[in-house]
C-alpha atoms as a PDB file:
ATOM      1  CA  MET A   1      99.111 156.726   4.331  1.00  0.00           C
ATOM      2  CA  SER A   2      99.132 158.601   1.041  1.00  0.00           C
ATOM      3  CA  ASN A   3      96.421 158.150  -1.557  1.00  0.00           C
ATOM      4  CA  LEU A   4      99.241 157.713  -4.073  1.00  0.00           C
ATOM      5  CA  PHE A   5      99.697 154.186  -2.735  1.00  0.00           C
ATOM      6  CA  PHE A   6      96.107 153.584  -1.580  1.00  0.00           C
ATOM      7  CA  LYS A   7      94.889 151.511  -4.538  1.00  0.00           C
ATOM      8  CA  LYS A   8      98.021 149.391  -4.615  1.00  0.00           C
ATOM      9  CA  ILE A   9      97.551 148.540  -0.949  1.00  0.00           C
ATOM     10  CA  ILE A  10      93.865 147.657  -1.449  1.00  0.00           C
ATOM     11  CA  ASN A  11      94.755 145.371  -4.364  1.00  0.00           C
ATOM     12  CA  MET A  12      97.481 143.746  -2.298  1.00  0.00           C
ATOM     13  CA  GLU A  13      94.960 143.026   0.448  1.00  0.00           C
ATOM     14  CA  LYS A  14      92.531 141.436  -2.032  1.00  0.00           C
ATOM     15  CA  GLU A  15      95.228 139.295  -3.615  1.00  0.00           C
ATOM     16  CA  ALA A  16      96.945 138.193  -0.408  1.00  0.00           C
ATOM     17  CA  VAL A  17      96.455 134.544   0.514  1.00  0.00           C
ATOM     18  CA  ASN A  18      96.538 135.415   4.195  1.00  0.00           C
ATOM     19  CA  LYS A  19      97.020 138.338   6.565  1.00  0.00           C
ATOM     20  CA  LYS A  20     100.734 137.673   7.057  1.00  0.00           C
ATOM     21  CA  VAL A  21     101.397 137.896   3.303  1.00  0.00           C
ATOM     22  CA  TRP A  22      99.468 141.176   3.107  1.00  0.00           C
ATOM     23  CA  GLN A  23     101.315 142.647   6.082  1.00  0.00           C
ATOM     24  CA  GLU A  24     104.718 141.727   4.649  1.00  0.00           C
ATOM     25  CA  GLY A  25     103.795 143.213   1.264  1.00  0.00           C
ATOM     26  CA  TYR A  26     102.513 146.400   2.860  1.00  0.00           C
ATOM     27  CA  THR A  27     105.601 146.973   4.995  1.00  0.00           C
ATOM     28  CA  GLN A  28     107.867 146.476   1.967  1.00  0.00           C
ATOM     29  CA  THR A  29     105.828 149.013  -0.030  1.00  0.00           C
ATOM     30  CA  TYR A  30     105.592 151.512   2.839  1.00  0.00           C
ATOM     31  CA  ALA A  31     109.353 151.396   3.403  1.00  0.00           C
ATOM     32  CA  LYS A  32     109.877 152.715  -0.154  1.00  0.00           C
ATOM     33  CA  ILE A  33     107.490 155.663   0.136  1.00  0.00           C
ATOM     34  CA  PRO A  34     109.307 159.029   0.040  1.00  0.00           C
ATOM     35  CA  PRO A  35     108.416 162.082   2.166  1.00  0.00           C
ATOM     36  CA  PRO A  36     106.021 163.803   2.509  1.00  0.00           C
ATOM     37  CA  PHE A  37     103.796 160.734   2.032  1.00  0.00           C
ATOM     38  CA  VAL A  38     105.550 159.523   5.135  1.00  0.00           C
ATOM     39  CA  PRO A  39     106.930 162.150   7.544  1.00  0.00           C
ATOM     40  CA  SER A  40     110.451 163.378   6.816  1.00  0.00           C
ATOM     41  CA  LYS A  41     113.022 163.735   9.618  1.00  0.00           C
ATOM     42  CA  LYS A  42     112.580 167.520   9.486  1.00  0.00           C
ATOM     43  CA  HIS A  43     108.816 167.067   9.681  1.00  0.00           C
ATOM     44  CA  ILE A  44     109.143 164.961  12.829  1.00  0.00           C
ATOM     45  CA  ALA A  45     111.639 167.432  14.316  1.00  0.00           C
ATOM     46  CA  ALA A  46     109.092 170.241  13.826  1.00  0.00           C
ATOM     47  CA  CYS A  47     106.396 168.132  15.507  1.00  0.00           C
ATOM     48  CA  VAL A  48     108.679 167.210  18.422  1.00  0.00           C
ATOM     49  CA  LYS A  49     109.340 170.890  19.108  1.00  0.00           C
ATOM     50  CA  ILE A  50     105.583 171.559  19.274  1.00  0.00           C
ATOM     51  CA  LEU A  51     104.895 168.451  21.374  1.00  0.00           C
ATOM     52  CA  LYS A  52     107.574 169.304  23.946  1.00  0.00           C
ATOM     53  CA  SER A  53     105.986 172.726  24.362  1.00  0.00           C
ATOM     54  CA  ILE A  54     102.542 171.124  24.864  1.00  0.00           C
ATOM     55  CA  LYS A  55     103.915 168.672  27.415  1.00  0.00           C
ATOM     56  CA  LYS A  56     105.591 171.428  29.393  1.00  0.00           C
ATOM     57  CA  LYS A  57     102.542 173.698  29.266  1.00  0.00           C
ATOM     58  CA  SER A  58      99.600 171.348  29.775  1.00  0.00           C
ATOM     59  CA  GLY A  59     100.239 167.595  29.802  1.00  0.00           C
ATOM     60  CA  ASN A  60     101.303 164.476  27.926  1.00  0.00           C
ATOM     61  CA  LYS A  61      98.058 162.773  26.945  1.00  0.00           C
ATOM     62  CA  ALA A  62      97.972 162.367  23.142  1.00  0.00           C
ATOM     63  CA  LEU A  63      95.623 160.899  20.567  1.00  0.00           C
ATOM     64  CA  VAL A  64      97.167 159.679  17.310  1.00  0.00           C
ATOM     65  CA  LEU A  65      94.915 159.668  14.246  1.00  0.00           C
ATOM     66  CA  GLY A  66      95.874 156.544  12.318  1.00  0.00           C
ATOM     67  CA  CYS A  67      99.023 154.598  13.108  1.00  0.00           C
ATOM     68  CA  THR A  68     101.931 156.254  11.268  1.00  0.00           C
ATOM     69  CA  PRO A  69     105.086 154.691  12.800  1.00  0.00           C
ATOM     70  CA  ALA A  70     107.248 157.841  12.837  1.00  0.00           C
ATOM     71  CA  VAL A  71     104.563 159.841  14.669  1.00  0.00           C
ATOM     72  CA  ARG A  72     104.146 157.147  17.306  1.00  0.00           C
ATOM     73  CA  ASP A  73     107.921 156.801  17.732  1.00  0.00           C
ATOM     74  CA  CYS A  74     108.396 160.521  18.356  1.00  0.00           C
ATOM     75  CA  LEU A  75     105.638 160.516  20.987  1.00  0.00           C
ATOM     76  CA  ALA A  76     107.197 157.501  22.694  1.00  0.00           C
ATOM     77  CA  LYS A  77     110.615 159.160  22.697  1.00  0.00           C
ATOM     78  CA  ILE A  78     109.334 162.209  24.575  1.00  0.00           C
ATOM     79  CA  LYS A  79     107.216 160.112  26.972  1.00  0.00           C
ATOM     80  CA  PHE A  80     103.626 160.830  25.928  1.00  0.00           C
ATOM     81  CA  LYS A  81     100.728 158.626  27.000  1.00  0.00           C
ATOM     82  CA  VAL A  82      99.327 157.555  23.629  1.00  0.00           C
ATOM     83  CA  THR A  83      95.956 156.388  22.364  1.00  0.00           C
ATOM     84  CA  LEU A  84      95.517 155.374  18.709  1.00  0.00           C
ATOM     85  CA  LEU A  85      92.277 155.912  16.810  1.00  0.00           C
ATOM     86  CA  GLU A  86      92.446 153.721  13.682  1.00  0.00           C
ATOM     87  CA  PHE A  87      89.564 151.834  12.077  1.00  0.00           C
ATOM     88  CA  SER A  88      91.687 148.860  10.944  1.00  0.00           C
ATOM     89  CA  GLN A  89      93.293 146.637  13.569  1.00  0.00           C
ATOM     90  CA  ASN A  90      95.112 144.865  10.750  1.00  0.00           C
ATOM     91  CA  MET A  91      96.730 148.167   9.794  1.00  0.00           C
ATOM     92  CA  VAL A  92      97.832 148.789  13.393  1.00  0.00           C
ATOM     93  CA  GLU A  93      99.452 145.345  13.605  1.00  0.00           C
ATOM     94  CA  THR A  94     101.162 145.868  10.245  1.00  0.00           C
ATOM     95  CA  MET A  95     102.548 149.290  11.116  1.00  0.00           C
ATOM     96  CA  ASN A  96     103.839 147.980  14.441  1.00  0.00           C
ATOM     97  CA  GLY A  97     106.468 146.147  12.423  1.00  0.00           C
ATOM     98  CA  LEU A  98     107.805 149.452  11.094  1.00  0.00           C
ATOM     99  CA  ARG A  99     108.300 151.118  14.463  1.00  0.00           C
ATOM    100  CA  LYS A 100     111.763 151.811  15.871  1.00  0.00           C
ATOM    101  CA  ILE A 101     110.659 152.339  19.487  1.00  0.00           C
ATOM    102  CA  GLU A 102     108.403 149.977  21.416  1.00  0.00           C
ATOM    103  CA  SER A 103     105.869 151.622  23.713  1.00  0.00           C
ATOM    104  CA  LYS A 104     102.590 150.939  25.436  1.00  0.00           C
ATOM    105  CA  GLU A 105      99.555 152.326  23.596  1.00  0.00           C
ATOM    106  CA  LYS A 106      95.807 152.134  23.977  1.00  0.00           C
ATOM    107  CA  ILE A 107      94.150 151.214  20.668  1.00  0.00           C
ATOM    108  CA  ILE A 108      90.607 152.186  19.668  1.00  0.00           C
ATOM    109  CA  ASN A 109      89.266 150.912  16.350  1.00  0.00           C
ATOM    110  CA  GLY A 110      86.952 153.591  15.016  1.00  0.00           C
ATOM    111  CA  LEU A 111      86.419 156.618  12.777  1.00  0.00           C
ATOM    112  CA  TRP A 112      87.996 160.007  13.451  1.00  0.00           C
ATOM    113  CA  THR A 113      84.771 161.861  12.702  1.00  0.00           C
ATOM    114  CA  GLU A 114      83.070 159.819  15.443  1.00  0.00           C
ATOM    115  CA  ALA A 115      85.736 160.396  18.096  1.00  0.00           C
ATOM    116  CA  THR A 116      83.145 161.696  20.586  1.00  0.00           C
ATOM    117  CA  LYS A 117      81.648 158.182  20.697  1.00  0.00           C
ATOM    118  CA  TYR A 118      84.869 156.796  22.146  1.00  0.00           C
ATOM    119  CA  PHE A 119      86.220 159.656  24.284  1.00  0.00           C
ATOM    120  CA  LEU A 120      84.804 162.062  26.839  1.00  0.00           C
ATOM    121  CA  PRO A 121      85.029 165.812  26.245  1.00  0.00           C
ATOM    122  CA  LYS A 122      88.346 167.429  27.193  1.00  0.00           C
ATOM    123  CA  THR A 123      90.291 164.148  27.287  1.00  0.00           C
ATOM    124  CA  PHE A 124      93.497 164.962  25.392  1.00  0.00           C
ATOM    125  CA  ASP A 125      96.241 167.561  25.584  1.00  0.00           C
ATOM    126  CA  CYS A 126      96.934 167.092  21.881  1.00  0.00           C
ATOM    127  CA  VAL A 127      95.772 165.216  18.808  1.00  0.00           C
ATOM    128  CA  ILE A 128      98.255 164.478  16.026  1.00  0.00           C
ATOM    129  CA  GLY A 129      98.039 162.814  12.627  1.00  0.00           C
ATOM    130  CA  HIS A 130      99.779 162.628   9.262  1.00  0.00           C
ATOM    131  CA  ALA A 131      97.970 163.075   5.897  1.00  0.00           C
ATOM    132  CA  VAL A 132      94.707 163.378   7.815  1.00  0.00           C
ATOM    133  CA  THR A 133      92.640 165.388   5.345  1.00  0.00           C
ATOM    134  CA  ASN A 134      93.305 162.863   2.556  1.00  0.00           C
ATOM    135  CA  ASN A 135      90.777 160.636   4.317  1.00  0.00           C
ATOM    136  CA  LEU A 136      87.964 163.213   4.536  1.00  0.00           C
ATOM    137  CA  VAL A 137      86.085 162.762   1.267  1.00  0.00           C
ATOM    138  CA  ASN A 138      83.554 165.618   1.478  1.00  0.00           C
ATOM    139  CA  LEU A 139      83.051 168.978   3.171  1.00  0.00           C
ATOM    140  CA  GLU A 140      80.525 167.565   5.645  1.00  0.00           C
ATOM    141  CA  LEU A 141      83.185 165.207   6.990  1.00  0.00           C
ATOM    142  CA  TYR A 142      85.590 168.147   7.404  1.00  0.00           C
ATOM    143  CA  GLU A 143      83.026 169.854   9.642  1.00  0.00           C
ATOM    144  CA  GLN A 144      82.365 166.655  11.615  1.00  0.00           C
ATOM    145  CA  PHE A 145      86.076 166.070  12.042  1.00  0.00           C
ATOM    146  CA  PHE A 146      86.921 169.502  13.435  1.00  0.00           C
ATOM    147  CA  LYS A 147      83.883 169.509  15.741  1.00  0.00           C
ATOM    148  CA  ALA A 148      84.920 166.124  17.147  1.00  0.00           C
ATOM    149  CA  MET A 149      88.560 167.148  17.618  1.00  0.00           C
ATOM    150  CA  LYS A 150      87.564 170.359  19.394  1.00  0.00           C
ATOM    151  CA  THR A 151      85.288 168.418  21.750  1.00  0.00           C
ATOM    152  CA  ILE A 152      87.817 165.804  22.860  1.00  0.00           C
ATOM    153  CA  LEU A 153      90.678 168.288  23.353  1.00  0.00           C
ATOM    154  CA  LYS A 154      91.221 169.954  26.714  1.00  0.00           C
ATOM    155  CA  SER A 155      90.929 173.726  27.001  1.00  0.00           C
ATOM    156  CA  GLY A 156      93.856 175.136  25.044  1.00  0.00           C
ATOM    157  CA  GLY A 157      94.599 171.687  23.605  1.00  0.00           C
ATOM    158  CA  GLU A 158      96.278 171.458  20.217  1.00  0.00           C
ATOM    159  CA  LEU A 159      95.638 169.621  16.952  1.00  0.00           C
ATOM    160  CA  ILE A 160      98.718 168.935  14.803  1.00  0.00           C
ATOM    161  CA  ILE A 161      97.916 167.667  11.320  1.00  0.00           C
ATOM    162  CA  THR A 162      99.458 167.504   7.866  1.00  0.00           C
ATOM    163  CA  VAL A 163      97.132 168.992   5.250  1.00  0.00           C
ATOM    164  CA  THR A 164      97.146 168.601   1.466  1.00  0.00           C
ATOM    165  CA  ASN A 165      95.656 171.687  -0.189  1.00  0.00           C
ATOM    166  CA  ALA A 166      94.277 172.087  -3.702  1.00  0.00           C
ATOM    167  CA  SER A 167      96.696 173.347  -6.312  1.00  0.00           C
ATOM    168  CA  PRO A 168      97.194 177.128  -6.428  1.00  0.00           C
ATOM    169  CA  ILE A 169      98.374 176.699 -10.032  1.00  0.00           C
ATOM    170  CA  LEU A 170      96.125 175.932 -13.006  1.00  0.00           C
ATOM    171  CA  GLN A 171      97.684 172.990 -14.794  1.00  0.00           C
ATOM    172  CA  THR A 172      95.700 171.649 -17.751  1.00  0.00           C
ATOM    173  CA  ALA A 173      95.932 168.127 -19.103  1.00  0.00           C
ATOM    174  CA  GLU A 174      97.143 169.563 -22.411  1.00  0.00           C
ATOM    175  CA  SER A 175     100.040 171.335 -20.704  1.00  0.00           C
ATOM    176  CA  VAL A 176     101.036 168.060 -19.015  1.00  0.00           C
ATOM    177  CA  ILE A 177     100.987 166.223 -22.359  1.00  0.00           C
ATOM    178  CA  GLU A 178     102.999 168.996 -23.980  1.00  0.00           C
ATOM    179  CA  LYS A 179     105.634 168.807 -21.249  1.00  0.00           C
ATOM    180  CA  CYS A 180     105.811 165.023 -21.589  1.00  0.00           C
ATOM    181  CA  LYS A 181     106.365 165.245 -25.341  1.00  0.00           C
ATOM    182  CA  HIS A 182     109.147 167.807 -25.033  1.00  0.00           C
ATOM    183  CA  ARG A 183     110.697 166.781 -21.692  1.00  0.00           C
ATOM    184  CA  PRO A 184     110.005 163.048 -21.095  1.00  0.00           C
ATOM    185  CA  GLY A 185     112.961 162.832 -18.702  1.00  0.00           C
ATOM    186  CA  TYR A 186     111.156 165.191 -16.298  1.00  0.00           C
ATOM    187  CA  PHE A 187     108.582 162.476 -15.555  1.00  0.00           C
ATOM    188  CA  LYS A 188     111.172 159.886 -14.577  1.00  0.00           C
ATOM    189  CA  SER A 189     111.543 161.659 -11.226  1.00  0.00           C
ATOM    190  CA  LEU A 190     108.790 160.518  -8.858  1.00  0.00           C
ATOM    191  CA  ASN A 191     108.695 163.940  -7.192  1.00  0.00           C
ATOM    192  CA  ASN A 192     108.295 165.718 -10.543  1.00  0.00           C
ATOM    193  CA  LYS A 193     105.616 163.283 -11.663  1.00  0.00           C
ATOM    194  CA  ILE A 194     103.646 163.761  -8.445  1.00  0.00           C
ATOM    195  CA  TYR A 195     103.920 167.535  -8.744  1.00  0.00           C
ATOM    196  CA  ILE A 196     102.705 167.730 -12.329  1.00  0.00           C
ATOM    197  CA  TRP A 197     100.005 165.097 -11.775  1.00  0.00           C
ATOM    198  CA  GLU A 198      98.576 166.699  -8.644  1.00  0.00           C
ATOM    199  CA  SER A 199      98.708 170.193 -10.147  1.00  0.00           C
ATOM    200  CA  CYS A 200      96.471 168.935 -12.942  1.00  0.00           C
ATOM    201  CA  ALA A 201      94.160 166.637 -10.950  1.00  0.00           C
ATOM    202  CA  TYR A 202      93.510 169.364  -8.354  1.00  0.00           C
ATOM    203  CA  SER A 203      93.000 172.296 -10.735  1.00  0.00           C
ATOM    204  CA  ASP A 204      91.841 171.295 -14.241  1.00  0.00           C
ATOM    205  CA  PRO A 205      88.025 171.821 -14.152  1.00  0.00           C
ATOM    206  CA  ARG A 206      87.475 168.576 -16.067  1.00  0.00           C
ATOM    207  CA  PHE A 207      88.815 166.656 -13.072  1.00  0.00           C
ATOM    208  CA  TYR A 208      88.475 169.031 -10.107  1.00  0.00           C
ATOM    209  CA  ASN A 209      85.002 170.120  -8.944  1.00  0.00           C
ATOM    210  CA  LYS A 210      85.679 173.616  -7.603  1.00  0.00           C
ATOM    211  CA  LYS A 211      82.269 173.931  -5.922  1.00  0.00           C
ATOM    212  CA  GLU A 212      82.572 170.683  -3.968  1.00  0.00           C
ATOM    213  CA  CYS A 213      86.411 170.823  -3.780  1.00  0.00           C
ATOM    214  CA  THR A 214      86.623 167.211  -4.928  1.00  0.00           C
ATOM    215  CA  THR A 215      88.596 165.378  -7.562  1.00  0.00           C
ATOM    216  CA  GLU A 216      87.947 161.887  -8.922  1.00  0.00           C
ATOM    217  CA  MET A 217      91.480 160.538  -8.966  1.00  0.00           C
ATOM    218  CA  ASN A 218      90.940 158.201 -11.938  1.00  0.00           C
ATOM    219  CA  LYS A 219      89.594 160.835 -14.364  1.00  0.00           C
ATOM    220  CA  PHE A 220      92.993 162.083 -15.505  1.00  0.00           C
ATOM    221  CA  ASN A 221      94.039 158.496 -16.246  1.00  0.00           C
ATOM    222  CA  LEU A 222      90.798 157.974 -18.228  1.00  0.00           C
ATOM    223  CA  PHE A 223      91.424 161.190 -20.164  1.00  0.00           C
ATOM    224  CA  LEU A 224      94.940 160.046 -21.075  1.00  0.00           C
ATOM    225  CA  GLY A 225      93.580 156.597 -21.953  1.00  0.00           C
ATOM    226  CA  GLU A 226      91.347 158.203 -24.587  1.00  0.00           C
ATOM    227  CA  LYS A 227      94.328 160.132 -25.949  1.00  0.00           C
ATOM    228  CA  LEU A 228      96.236 156.835 -26.216  1.00  0.00           C
ATOM    229  CA  LYS A 229      93.288 155.131 -27.914  1.00  0.00           C
ATOM    230  CA  ASN A 230      93.096 157.963 -30.458  1.00  0.00           C
ATOM    231  CA  LYS A 231      96.870 157.734 -31.008  1.00  0.00           C
ATOM    232  CA  GLU A 232      97.413 161.313 -29.806  1.00  0.00           C
ATOM    233  CA  ILE A 233     100.015 160.052 -27.320  1.00  0.00           C
ATOM    234  CA  THR A 234     102.248 156.982 -27.336  1.00  0.00           C
ATOM    235  CA  GLN A 235     102.167 154.085 -24.882  1.00  0.00           C
ATOM    236  CA  LYS A 236     105.482 155.283 -23.463  1.00  0.00           C
ATOM    237  CA  GLU A 237     104.062 158.779 -22.882  1.00  0.00           C
ATOM    238  CA  TYR A 238     100.941 157.315 -21.277  1.00  0.00           C
ATOM    239  CA  ASP A 239     103.063 155.230 -18.893  1.00  0.00           C
ATOM    240  CA  LEU A 240     105.189 158.250 -17.972  1.00  0.00           C
ATOM    241  CA  MET A 241     102.151 160.396 -17.084  1.00  0.00           C
ATOM    242  CA  THR A 242      99.873 157.931 -15.252  1.00  0.00           C
ATOM    243  CA  PHE A 243      99.733 156.120 -11.910  1.00  0.00           C
ATOM    244  CA  ASP A 244      98.331 152.571 -11.857  1.00  0.00           C
ATOM    245  CA  PHE A 245      96.950 153.237  -8.376  1.00  0.00           C
ATOM    246  CA  TYR A 246      94.328 155.586  -9.843  1.00  0.00           C
ATOM    247  CA  ASN A 247      92.750 153.300 -12.420  1.00  0.00           C
ATOM    248  CA  GLN A 248      89.708 152.789 -10.179  1.00  0.00           C
ATOM    249  CA  PRO A 249      87.313 155.537  -8.981  1.00  0.00           C
ATOM    250  CA  HIS A 250      88.583 157.218  -5.844  1.00  0.00           C
ATOM    251  CA  ARG A 251      87.334 160.578  -4.599  1.00  0.00           C
ATOM    252  CA  VAL A 252      89.515 163.010  -2.657  1.00  0.00           C
ATOM    253  CA  THR A 253      88.550 166.393  -1.218  1.00  0.00           C
ATOM    254  CA  MET A 254      91.204 169.079  -1.532  1.00  0.00           C
ATOM    255  CA  LEU A 255      90.421 172.565  -0.251  1.00  0.00           C
ATOM    256  CA  PRO A 256      92.290 175.675  -1.386  1.00  0.00           C
ATOM    257  CA  GLU A 257      94.467 176.905   1.470  1.00  0.00           C
ATOM    258  CA  LYS A 258      92.403 180.063   2.160  1.00  0.00           C
ATOM    259  CA  MET A 259      89.159 178.088   2.219  1.00  0.00           C
ATOM    260  CA  PHE A 260      90.666 175.487   4.545  1.00  0.00           C
ATOM    261  CA  ASP A 261      91.879 178.220   6.889  1.00  0.00           C
ATOM    262  CA  ARG A 262      88.402 179.801   7.045  1.00  0.00           C
ATOM    263  CA  LEU A 263      86.848 176.461   7.947  1.00  0.00           C
ATOM    264  CA  VAL A 264      89.476 175.718  10.600  1.00  0.00           C
ATOM    265  CA  LYS A 265      89.038 179.123  12.246  1.00  0.00           C
ATOM    266  CA  LYS A 266      85.456 178.232  13.190  1.00  0.00           C
ATOM    267  CA  TYR A 267      86.880 175.766  15.708  1.00  0.00           C
ATOM    268  CA  PHE A 268      90.583 176.511  16.218  1.00  0.00           C
ATOM    269  CA  ILE A 269      93.167 179.249  16.359  1.00  0.00           C
ATOM    270  CA  ILE A 270      95.901 178.756  13.754  1.00  0.00           C
ATOM    271  CA  VAL A 271      99.069 178.965  15.839  1.00  0.00           C
ATOM    272  CA  LYS A 272     101.501 178.131  13.053  1.00  0.00           C
ATOM    273  CA  LYS A 273     101.655 176.793   9.505  1.00  0.00           C
ATOM    274  CA  ILE A 274     104.855 174.987   8.555  1.00  0.00           C
ATOM    275  CA  LYS A 275     105.423 174.237   4.890  1.00  0.00           C
ATOM    276  CA  GLU A 276     106.592 170.689   4.306  1.00  0.00           C
ATOM    277  CA  PRO A 277     110.412 170.837   4.660  1.00  0.00           C
ATOM    278  CA  VAL A 278     111.123 168.900   1.459  1.00  0.00           C
ATOM    279  CA  LYS A 279     112.712 171.041  -1.248  1.00  0.00           C
ATOM    280  CA  HIS A 280     110.370 170.431  -4.143  1.00  0.00           C
ATOM    281  CA  PRO A 281     107.294 172.405  -5.283  1.00  0.00           C
ATOM    282  CA  ALA A 282     105.209 169.219  -5.196  1.00  0.00           C
ATOM    283  CA  PHE A 283     105.476 169.411  -1.433  1.00  0.00           C
ATOM    284  CA  SER A 284     106.140 173.038  -0.512  1.00  0.00           C
ATOM    285  CA  LYS A 285     103.071 174.211  -2.470  1.00  0.00           C
ATOM    286  CA  PHE A 286     100.593 171.509  -1.438  1.00  0.00           C
ATOM    287  CA  TYR A 287     101.632 170.112   1.958  1.00  0.00           C
ATOM    288  CA  THR A 288     101.447 172.052   5.217  1.00  0.00           C
ATOM    289  CA  ILE A 289     101.842 171.090   8.877  1.00  0.00           C
ATOM    290  CA  TYR A 290      99.155 172.913  10.867  1.00  0.00           C
ATOM    291  CA  GLN A 291      99.480 173.670  14.570  1.00  0.00           C
ATOM    292  CA  LEU A 292      95.954 174.471  15.771  1.00  0.00           C
ATOM    293  CA  ARG A 293      94.804 175.467  19.258  1.00  0.00           C
ATOM    294  CA  LYS A 294      91.292 174.900  20.547  1.00  0.00           C
ATOM    295  CA  LYS A 295      89.284 178.114  20.879  1.00  0.00           C
END
C-alpha cells in the first residue's frame, strides 16, 4: 500500500464504527488507487515472467510480503504454494475482498524484518512484495530486512520487490510554487502532482535528510502552510500543491538508486532492474522492480 494513501487509511480506521465499515471504506479507496501504487498489468506481467522461470528452475514455494491482491492472484494463477507475512490480520481479510482468484494460503501475522522468527533457513524459492521499501523507515531496518530475506530463501532463491528511490532531480519548494503560479492546470493531474511533490520531498534539503536518507512527509505541507499564512500563496494554490494524507508526521526512508544497489549487493546479486512500465516520470524515475538472487 502506498504512503500516499497511508494517512487516509489510518484516519478511516480510527473513525470507523466497526471493522466492517473500515473494510468497506478501505476497499473503495484502494480500488481508486492508480499504478504504480498498486501494480499495473504490465508490472504483473513482468513478475509472472520471472516467477515462471523460478518455478521451472527451482520450485513453487513463495512468500508474499504484505497482502497485495494482484500479487497473490498472479501467484495463484501459476500454481505457487503461498505464505503471506503481514502484521495486520484485518488488512489480510480486507484485501481478500479485492482478489479475483481464490486460493489457499498460509497466513503469518508478523514483521518482515523478523522473518527468521517464523521461518526456517532456506524455506522459500522466492519472496515477492509490492512497495516494500516504503515500510522500512531507517537504514538499520533495510539491513535487517535483507539479512532476513537472504536467510529464509533457498540457495539461488530470488527476491522480487518494487523499490521507491530518492529523487535524482533537485526540486526546491520555490520551484514547485513557481510552477503552480504559472501552470496551475499541471497540478490537476494526480500523476503530475505526485511527481512534483515527490521530487521536492525527496530532494529539497529542508525536507530530505541526505545523511539518513529520510524525509518527514508532513514538512512540505507545513512549509506551504506558512506561505499561505503569510499570504505568499493563495488557498487555491495551497490546495493544488498539498496532500491531506501528509498533515501528520510520517517518516519515510528513500535511498538514492546507487546507494540502494550497493546495500543490496551485500546480500544479493542484482539479476534485473525493470523500470515501472507506466509512462510518466513520476514512476519511471522513482519506481523500479528489482529481481534479486541470493548470493
